[in-house]
Amino acid sequence: MKKSELKIMIKEEIQLLKEGYTLYWGKSAEPFTDDEWKKLLVQVKKILAIAKKKGIIIRDGNGKGKPIIDNEKIVLNGDGEGEEDLSHETFYFTKKQDEWEFTKTNRKPYDAVVSSILYVAQKINPSIGARGDDGKSSIKMGGTEGWDNQYY
């Protein structure tokens, strides 16, 4: 994917995706090249900025502190430090995907961040094979939104 195409597709005003309870990705995916990973990290930072504007607090894998975004991995969760625990399972996404992975978000607000990251990751590296709740359908712009979510 060309950089210009990615910029058009993902603008700062993008609405965060809302996908569902369990998100899958990986298996047989080609590792991200260094250039692809850099592009992904730029987009992840934009996604986190949008989430913050919408009041979605993102923490590290344990739901505390800051998310981890580096040259090898992205590790995050919802806010486990607030009055209401909005964390669930850790989203752990690495530069190399060699088996199916999944995260159960329990439809908490950070689901939108995880879905958005997987959507962008799949656009940058189509071999990622991100899937939504049923484990079969691809994550799409706009998400499935077929369920009622008290957080949105």
N, C-alpha and C. Protein backbone atom coordinates (compact mmCIF):
# COMPACT_ATOMS: atom_id res chain seq x y z
N MET A 1 0.83 -1.17 0.00
CA MET A 1 0.00 0.00 0.00
C MET A 1 0.88 1.24 0.00
N LYS A 2 0.53 2.17 -0.85
CA LYS A 2 1.29 3.41 -0.94
C LYS A 2 1.00 4.29 0.27
N LYS A 3 2.01 5.06 0.66
CA LYS A 3 1.87 5.95 1.81
C LYS A 3 0.71 6.92 1.60
N SER A 4 0.57 7.45 0.38
CA SER A 4 -0.51 8.41 0.11
C SER A 4 -1.88 7.75 0.27
N GLU A 5 -2.01 6.48 -0.13
CA GLU A 5 -3.28 5.77 0.03
C GLU A 5 -3.62 5.60 1.50
N LEU A 6 -2.60 5.28 2.30
CA LEU A 6 -2.80 5.10 3.73
C LEU A 6 -3.23 6.41 4.38
N LYS A 7 -2.62 7.51 3.97
CA LYS A 7 -2.99 8.81 4.53
C LYS A 7 -4.43 9.16 4.20
N ILE A 8 -4.85 8.86 3.00
CA ILE A 8 -6.23 9.13 2.61
C ILE A 8 -7.18 8.26 3.42
N MET A 9 -6.82 7.00 3.59
CA MET A 9 -7.68 6.05 4.28
C MET A 9 -7.79 6.37 5.78
N ILE A 10 -6.69 6.71 6.40
CA ILE A 10 -6.67 6.96 7.83
C ILE A 10 -6.37 8.42 8.08
N LYS A 11 -7.39 9.19 8.34
CA LYS A 11 -7.21 10.60 8.65
C LYS A 11 -7.37 10.76 10.15
N GLU A 12 -6.89 11.86 10.68
CA GLU A 12 -6.98 12.07 12.12
C GLU A 12 -8.43 12.08 12.60
N GLU A 13 -9.36 12.46 11.72
CA GLU A 13 -10.76 12.52 12.10
C GLU A 13 -11.46 11.17 12.01
N ILE A 14 -10.74 10.11 11.69
CA ILE A 14 -11.35 8.79 11.54
C ILE A 14 -12.14 8.42 12.78
N GLN A 15 -13.27 7.81 12.57
CA GLN A 15 -14.02 7.29 13.70
C GLN A 15 -13.40 5.97 14.08
N LEU A 16 -13.28 5.74 15.36
CA LEU A 16 -12.74 4.47 15.82
C LEU A 16 -13.70 3.34 15.45
N LEU A 17 -13.15 2.20 15.10
CA LEU A 17 -13.97 1.05 14.76
C LEU A 17 -14.50 0.40 16.03
N LYS A 18 -15.63 -0.25 15.91
CA LYS A 18 -16.20 -1.00 17.02
C LYS A 18 -16.49 -2.40 16.48
N GLU A 19 -15.82 -3.39 16.99
CA GLU A 19 -15.94 -4.71 16.39
C GLU A 19 -16.72 -5.70 17.24
N GLY A 20 -16.36 -5.94 18.47
CA GLY A 20 -17.10 -6.93 19.23
C GLY A 20 -16.35 -7.49 20.39
N TYR A 21 -16.64 -8.71 20.71
CA TYR A 21 -16.12 -9.33 21.93
C TYR A 21 -14.73 -9.92 21.77
N THR A 22 -14.49 -10.67 20.70
CA THR A 22 -13.20 -11.32 20.50
C THR A 22 -12.65 -10.94 19.13
N LEU A 23 -11.38 -10.56 19.09
CA LEU A 23 -10.71 -10.19 17.85
C LEU A 23 -9.54 -11.14 17.62
N TYR A 24 -9.41 -11.63 16.39
CA TYR A 24 -8.39 -12.61 16.04
C TYR A 24 -7.46 -12.04 14.98
N TRP A 25 -6.21 -12.52 14.97
CA TRP A 25 -5.28 -12.13 13.92
C TRP A 25 -4.10 -13.09 13.91
N GLY A 26 -3.33 -13.05 12.81
CA GLY A 26 -2.07 -13.78 12.79
C GLY A 26 -1.97 -14.91 11.81
N LYS A 27 -1.63 -16.07 12.29
CA LYS A 27 -1.37 -17.34 11.59
C LYS A 27 -0.91 -17.17 10.15
N SER A 28 0.28 -17.59 9.90
CA SER A 28 0.89 -17.59 8.57
C SER A 28 1.12 -16.18 8.01
N ALA A 29 1.01 -15.20 8.85
CA ALA A 29 1.24 -13.83 8.38
C ALA A 29 2.72 -13.60 8.15
N GLU A 30 3.00 -12.82 7.13
CA GLU A 30 4.37 -12.40 6.87
C GLU A 30 4.75 -11.37 7.94
N PRO A 31 5.94 -11.45 8.49
CA PRO A 31 6.34 -10.43 9.47
C PRO A 31 6.31 -9.05 8.82
N PHE A 32 6.05 -8.05 9.64
CA PHE A 32 6.11 -6.68 9.15
C PHE A 32 7.55 -6.34 8.80
N THR A 33 7.75 -5.65 7.70
CA THR A 33 9.09 -5.13 7.41
C THR A 33 9.30 -3.96 8.37
N ASP A 34 10.53 -3.50 8.49
CA ASP A 34 10.81 -2.34 9.34
C ASP A 34 9.99 -1.14 8.91
N ASP A 35 9.90 -0.91 7.60
CA ASP A 35 9.15 0.22 7.07
C ASP A 35 7.65 0.08 7.38
N GLU A 36 7.10 -1.11 7.21
CA GLU A 36 5.69 -1.34 7.51
C GLU A 36 5.40 -1.12 9.00
N TRP A 37 6.30 -1.61 9.84
CA TRP A 37 6.11 -1.46 11.28
C TRP A 37 6.13 0.01 11.69
N LYS A 38 7.03 0.77 11.10
CA LYS A 38 7.09 2.22 11.38
C LYS A 38 5.78 2.89 10.98
N LYS A 39 5.25 2.52 9.81
CA LYS A 39 3.96 3.07 9.36
C LYS A 39 2.85 2.71 10.36
N LEU A 40 2.88 1.47 10.82
CA LEU A 40 1.86 1.03 11.78
C LEU A 40 1.96 1.84 13.07
N LEU A 41 3.17 2.03 13.58
CA LEU A 41 3.33 2.77 14.83
C LEU A 41 2.84 4.21 14.71
N VAL A 42 3.07 4.83 13.56
CA VAL A 42 2.55 6.19 13.33
C VAL A 42 1.03 6.18 13.43
N GLN A 43 0.39 5.20 12.81
CA GLN A 43 -1.06 5.11 12.83
C GLN A 43 -1.59 4.77 14.22
N VAL A 44 -0.87 3.91 14.95
CA VAL A 44 -1.28 3.55 16.31
C VAL A 44 -1.30 4.80 17.19
N LYS A 45 -0.30 5.64 17.05
CA LYS A 45 -0.25 6.87 17.84
C LYS A 45 -1.42 7.79 17.49
N LYS A 46 -1.80 7.84 16.23
CA LYS A 46 -2.96 8.63 15.82
C LYS A 46 -4.24 8.04 16.41
N ILE A 47 -4.36 6.73 16.37
CA ILE A 47 -5.53 6.05 16.93
C ILE A 47 -5.64 6.34 18.43
N LEU A 48 -4.52 6.29 19.13
CA LEU A 48 -4.53 6.57 20.57
C LEU A 48 -4.92 8.02 20.85
N ALA A 49 -4.49 8.92 20.00
CA ALA A 49 -4.85 10.34 20.16
C ALA A 49 -6.35 10.53 19.97
N ILE A 50 -6.91 9.86 18.97
CA ILE A 50 -8.35 9.94 18.73
C ILE A 50 -9.12 9.36 19.91
N ALA A 51 -8.65 8.21 20.39
CA ALA A 51 -9.29 7.57 21.55
C ALA A 51 -9.30 8.52 22.75
N LYS A 52 -8.18 9.17 22.98
CA LYS A 52 -8.09 10.10 24.11
C LYS A 52 -9.10 11.23 23.96
N LYS A 53 -9.24 11.76 22.74
CA LYS A 53 -10.23 12.83 22.49
C LYS A 53 -11.64 12.34 22.77
N LYS A 54 -11.88 11.06 22.56
CA LYS A 54 -13.21 10.49 22.77
C LYS A 54 -13.39 9.97 24.20
N GLY A 55 -12.39 10.19 25.05
CA GLY A 55 -12.50 9.79 26.45
C GLY A 55 -12.16 8.34 26.73
N ILE A 56 -11.56 7.67 25.77
CA ILE A 56 -11.16 6.27 25.97
C ILE A 56 -9.72 6.26 26.49
N ILE A 57 -9.55 5.79 27.71
CA ILE A 57 -8.22 5.76 28.32
C ILE A 57 -7.58 4.41 28.03
N ILE A 58 -6.36 4.46 27.50
CA ILE A 58 -5.62 3.24 27.16
C ILE A 58 -4.43 3.12 28.10
N ARG A 59 -4.26 1.93 28.63
CA ARG A 59 -3.19 1.64 29.59
C ARG A 59 -2.28 0.52 29.06
N ASP A 60 -1.35 0.08 29.89
CA ASP A 60 -0.48 -1.04 29.52
C ASP A 60 -1.28 -2.34 29.57
N GLY A 61 -0.63 -3.45 29.36
CA GLY A 61 -1.30 -4.74 29.30
C GLY A 61 -2.05 -5.13 30.55
N ASN A 62 -1.66 -4.57 31.70
CA ASN A 62 -2.32 -4.87 32.96
C ASN A 62 -3.40 -3.85 33.32
N GLY A 63 -3.65 -2.90 32.41
CA GLY A 63 -4.67 -1.89 32.66
C GLY A 63 -4.18 -0.76 33.55
N LYS A 64 -2.86 -0.63 33.70
CA LYS A 64 -2.27 0.42 34.53
C LYS A 64 -1.12 1.06 33.76
N GLY A 65 -0.73 2.23 34.10
CA GLY A 65 0.41 2.87 33.43
C GLY A 65 0.13 3.19 31.97
N LYS A 66 1.20 3.32 31.20
CA LYS A 66 1.09 3.70 29.78
C LYS A 66 1.21 2.47 28.87
N PRO A 67 0.55 2.52 27.71
CA PRO A 67 0.69 1.40 26.76
C PRO A 67 2.14 1.30 26.27
N ILE A 68 2.52 0.12 25.86
CA ILE A 68 3.87 -0.12 25.33
C ILE A 68 3.77 -0.16 23.82
N ILE A 69 4.51 0.73 23.18
CA ILE A 69 4.54 0.80 21.72
C ILE A 69 6.00 0.97 21.35
N ASP A 70 6.62 -0.09 20.82
CA ASP A 70 8.04 0.00 20.49
C ASP A 70 8.35 -0.71 19.18
N ASN A 71 9.61 -0.94 18.91
CA ASN A 71 10.05 -1.52 17.64
C ASN A 71 9.72 -3.00 17.47
N GLU A 72 9.18 -3.65 18.49
CA GLU A 72 8.88 -5.08 18.40
C GLU A 72 7.42 -5.43 18.73
N LYS A 73 6.77 -4.56 19.52
CA LYS A 73 5.44 -4.95 20.01
C LYS A 73 4.57 -3.75 20.36
N ILE A 74 3.28 -4.03 20.44
CA ILE A 74 2.27 -3.09 20.92
C ILE A 74 1.52 -3.85 22.00
N VAL A 75 1.52 -3.29 23.21
CA VAL A 75 0.87 -3.95 24.34
C VAL A 75 -0.03 -2.93 25.03
N LEU A 76 -1.33 -3.24 25.09
CA LEU A 76 -2.24 -2.29 25.72
C LEU A 76 -3.47 -2.99 26.27
N ASN A 77 -4.25 -2.21 27.00
CA ASN A 77 -5.48 -2.69 27.59
C ASN A 77 -6.34 -1.46 27.87
N GLY A 78 -7.53 -1.67 28.34
CA GLY A 78 -8.37 -0.57 28.76
C GLY A 78 -7.92 -0.05 30.12
N ASP A 79 -8.65 0.91 30.64
CA ASP A 79 -8.30 1.57 31.89
C ASP A 79 -8.75 0.73 33.09
N GLY A 80 -7.78 0.17 33.79
CA GLY A 80 -8.06 -0.61 34.99
C GLY A 80 -7.86 0.19 36.26
N GLU A 81 -7.56 1.48 36.10
CA GLU A 81 -7.29 2.32 37.27
C GLU A 81 -8.47 3.20 37.66
N GLY A 82 -9.49 3.27 36.84
CA GLY A 82 -10.63 4.15 37.11
C GLY A 82 -11.60 3.56 38.11
N GLU A 83 -12.65 4.31 38.37
CA GLU A 83 -13.69 3.88 39.29
C GLU A 83 -14.34 2.59 38.79
N GLU A 84 -14.54 2.53 37.46
CA GLU A 84 -15.07 1.32 36.82
C GLU A 84 -13.93 0.66 36.07
N ASP A 85 -13.74 -0.64 36.26
CA ASP A 85 -12.66 -1.35 35.58
C ASP A 85 -13.01 -1.55 34.11
N LEU A 86 -12.33 -0.81 33.23
CA LEU A 86 -12.59 -0.91 31.79
C LEU A 86 -11.49 -1.69 31.08
N SER A 87 -10.72 -2.45 31.84
CA SER A 87 -9.72 -3.33 31.22
C SER A 87 -10.32 -4.73 31.12
N HIS A 88 -9.73 -5.55 30.26
CA HIS A 88 -10.16 -6.95 30.16
C HIS A 88 -8.92 -7.77 29.82
N GLU A 89 -8.82 -8.31 28.61
CA GLU A 89 -7.62 -9.05 28.24
C GLU A 89 -6.61 -8.15 27.54
N THR A 90 -5.35 -8.46 27.74
CA THR A 90 -4.26 -7.70 27.12
C THR A 90 -4.26 -7.87 25.61
N PHE A 91 -4.08 -6.77 24.89
CA PHE A 91 -3.83 -6.81 23.45
C PHE A 91 -2.32 -6.80 23.29
N TYR A 92 -1.77 -7.91 22.78
CA TYR A 92 -0.33 -8.07 22.60
C TYR A 92 -0.09 -8.37 21.13
N PHE A 93 0.42 -7.39 20.41
CA PHE A 93 0.59 -7.49 18.96
C PHE A 93 2.07 -7.31 18.64
N THR A 94 2.64 -8.27 17.92
CA THR A 94 4.08 -8.22 17.64
C THR A 94 4.36 -8.04 16.15
N LYS A 95 5.57 -7.66 15.88
CA LYS A 95 6.03 -7.44 14.50
C LYS A 95 5.97 -8.73 13.69
N LYS A 96 6.16 -9.85 14.34
CA LYS A 96 6.10 -11.16 13.68
C LYS A 96 4.91 -11.94 14.22
N GLN A 97 4.03 -12.35 13.33
CA GLN A 97 2.84 -13.12 13.71
C GLN A 97 2.99 -14.54 13.17
N ASP A 98 3.21 -15.52 14.04
CA ASP A 98 3.40 -16.88 13.52
C ASP A 98 2.33 -17.87 13.97
N GLU A 99 1.33 -17.38 14.68
CA GLU A 99 0.20 -18.23 15.03
C GLU A 99 -1.02 -17.34 15.25
N TRP A 100 -2.20 -17.97 15.29
CA TRP A 100 -3.40 -17.19 15.55
C TRP A 100 -3.35 -16.65 16.97
N GLU A 101 -3.66 -15.39 17.10
CA GLU A 101 -3.73 -14.73 18.40
C GLU A 101 -5.13 -14.16 18.54
N PHE A 102 -5.51 -13.82 19.76
CA PHE A 102 -6.82 -13.19 19.96
C PHE A 102 -6.80 -12.37 21.24
N THR A 103 -7.73 -11.45 21.31
CA THR A 103 -7.96 -10.65 22.51
C THR A 103 -9.45 -10.56 22.72
N LYS A 104 -9.89 -10.83 23.93
CA LYS A 104 -11.29 -10.64 24.30
C LYS A 104 -11.38 -9.28 24.98
N THR A 105 -12.13 -8.39 24.37
CA THR A 105 -12.25 -7.03 24.89
C THR A 105 -13.52 -6.85 25.73
N ASN A 106 -14.40 -7.82 25.71
CA ASN A 106 -15.65 -7.75 26.46
C ASN A 106 -16.46 -6.51 26.10
N ARG A 107 -16.27 -6.03 24.87
CA ARG A 107 -16.98 -4.86 24.35
C ARG A 107 -16.74 -3.60 25.17
N LYS A 108 -15.62 -3.56 25.85
CA LYS A 108 -15.26 -2.37 26.62
C LYS A 108 -14.66 -1.34 25.67
N PRO A 109 -14.55 -0.09 26.08
CA PRO A 109 -14.14 0.97 25.15
C PRO A 109 -12.85 0.71 24.38
N TYR A 110 -11.88 0.02 24.97
CA TYR A 110 -10.63 -0.20 24.26
C TYR A 110 -10.78 -1.14 23.06
N ASP A 111 -11.95 -1.80 22.94
CA ASP A 111 -12.26 -2.59 21.76
C ASP A 111 -12.10 -1.76 20.49
N ALA A 112 -12.55 -0.49 20.56
CA ALA A 112 -12.45 0.40 19.40
C ALA A 112 -11.00 0.62 19.00
N VAL A 113 -10.12 0.71 19.97
CA VAL A 113 -8.69 0.92 19.70
C VAL A 113 -8.09 -0.35 19.10
N VAL A 114 -8.37 -1.49 19.69
CA VAL A 114 -7.85 -2.77 19.19
C VAL A 114 -8.35 -3.01 17.76
N SER A 115 -9.64 -2.81 17.53
CA SER A 115 -10.20 -3.01 16.19
C SER A 115 -9.55 -2.10 15.18
N SER A 116 -9.36 -0.84 15.56
CA SER A 116 -8.75 0.13 14.65
C SER A 116 -7.30 -0.23 14.33
N ILE A 117 -6.56 -0.66 15.34
CA ILE A 117 -5.16 -1.07 15.12
C ILE A 117 -5.11 -2.27 14.17
N LEU A 118 -5.97 -3.25 14.40
CA LEU A 118 -5.97 -4.44 13.54
C LEU A 118 -6.38 -4.09 12.11
N TYR A 119 -7.33 -3.19 11.97
CA TYR A 119 -7.75 -2.76 10.64
C TYR A 119 -6.58 -2.13 9.89
N VAL A 120 -5.89 -1.21 10.54
CA VAL A 120 -4.76 -0.53 9.90
C VAL A 120 -3.62 -1.53 9.65
N ALA A 121 -3.36 -2.41 10.61
CA ALA A 121 -2.29 -3.41 10.44
C ALA A 121 -2.57 -4.28 9.22
N GLN A 122 -3.82 -4.65 9.03
CA GLN A 122 -4.19 -5.48 7.89
C GLN A 122 -4.06 -4.72 6.58
N LYS A 123 -4.33 -3.41 6.58
CA LYS A 123 -4.16 -2.60 5.38
C LYS A 123 -2.68 -2.45 5.02
N ILE A 124 -1.83 -2.33 6.03
CA ILE A 124 -0.40 -2.20 5.79
C ILE A 124 0.21 -3.54 5.40
N ASN A 125 -0.21 -4.61 6.07
CA ASN A 125 0.31 -5.95 5.80
C ASN A 125 -0.89 -6.90 5.68
N PRO A 126 -1.43 -7.07 4.46
CA PRO A 126 -2.64 -7.87 4.26
C PRO A 126 -2.55 -9.31 4.75
N SER A 127 -1.36 -9.84 4.97
CA SER A 127 -1.25 -11.22 5.42
C SER A 127 -1.64 -11.40 6.89
N ILE A 128 -1.90 -10.32 7.60
CA ILE A 128 -2.25 -10.40 9.03
C ILE A 128 -3.53 -11.18 9.25
N GLY A 129 -4.49 -11.04 8.37
CA GLY A 129 -5.71 -11.84 8.47
C GLY A 129 -6.53 -11.56 9.72
N ALA A 130 -6.70 -10.28 10.10
CA ALA A 130 -7.50 -9.94 11.27
C ALA A 130 -8.96 -10.34 11.05
N ARG A 131 -9.57 -10.83 12.11
CA ARG A 131 -10.96 -11.30 12.06
C ARG A 131 -11.74 -10.76 13.25
N GLY A 132 -13.04 -10.66 13.06
CA GLY A 132 -13.91 -10.19 14.12
C GLY A 132 -14.45 -11.31 14.97
N ASP A 133 -15.55 -11.03 15.64
CA ASP A 133 -16.16 -11.91 16.63
C ASP A 133 -16.31 -13.37 16.19
N ASP A 134 -16.71 -13.59 14.96
CA ASP A 134 -16.99 -14.96 14.52
C ASP A 134 -15.73 -15.70 14.09
N GLY A 135 -14.58 -15.02 14.07
CA GLY A 135 -13.34 -15.66 13.67
C GLY A 135 -13.22 -15.85 12.17
N LYS A 136 -14.20 -15.37 11.42
CA LYS A 136 -14.20 -15.57 9.97
C LYS A 136 -14.25 -14.25 9.20
N SER A 137 -15.15 -13.35 9.58
CA SER A 137 -15.31 -12.12 8.81
C SER A 137 -14.21 -11.12 9.10
N SER A 138 -13.75 -10.45 8.06
CA SER A 138 -12.69 -9.46 8.22
C SER A 138 -13.20 -8.25 8.98
N ILE A 139 -12.29 -7.62 9.69
CA ILE A 139 -12.62 -6.36 10.35
C ILE A 139 -12.75 -5.32 9.25
N LYS A 140 -13.85 -4.59 9.27
CA LYS A 140 -14.12 -3.61 8.22
C LYS A 140 -14.23 -2.23 8.83
N MET A 141 -14.03 -1.23 8.01
CA MET A 141 -14.21 0.14 8.44
C MET A 141 -15.64 0.28 8.95
N GLY A 142 -15.81 0.79 10.14
CA GLY A 142 -17.14 0.94 10.72
C GLY A 142 -17.51 -0.19 11.66
N GLY A 143 -16.79 -1.28 11.62
CA GLY A 143 -17.05 -2.40 12.52
C GLY A 143 -18.39 -3.06 12.26
N THR A 144 -18.72 -4.02 13.05
CA THR A 144 -19.98 -4.72 12.86
C THR A 144 -21.13 -3.97 13.49
N GLU A 145 -20.90 -3.34 14.61
CA GLU A 145 -21.89 -2.53 15.32
C GLU A 145 -23.24 -3.22 15.43
N GLY A 146 -23.26 -4.53 15.43
CA GLY A 146 -24.48 -5.28 15.53
C GLY A 146 -24.87 -5.58 16.98
N TRP A 147 -24.21 -4.96 17.93
CA TRP A 147 -24.52 -5.21 19.33
C TRP A 147 -24.65 -3.88 20.06
N ASP A 148 -25.35 -3.90 21.14
CA ASP A 148 -25.58 -2.69 21.93
C ASP A 148 -24.42 -2.55 22.91
N ASN A 149 -23.78 -1.39 22.90
CA ASN A 149 -22.62 -1.17 23.76
C ASN A 149 -22.87 0.04 24.64
N GLN A 150 -22.89 -0.17 25.92
CA GLN A 150 -23.17 0.92 26.85
C GLN A 150 -22.10 1.99 26.86
N TYR A 151 -20.91 1.68 26.34
CA TYR A 151 -19.80 2.63 26.42
C TYR A 151 -19.74 3.62 25.26
N TYR A 152 -20.52 3.38 24.18
CA TYR A 152 -20.45 4.26 23.02
C TYR A 152 -21.67 5.12 22.93
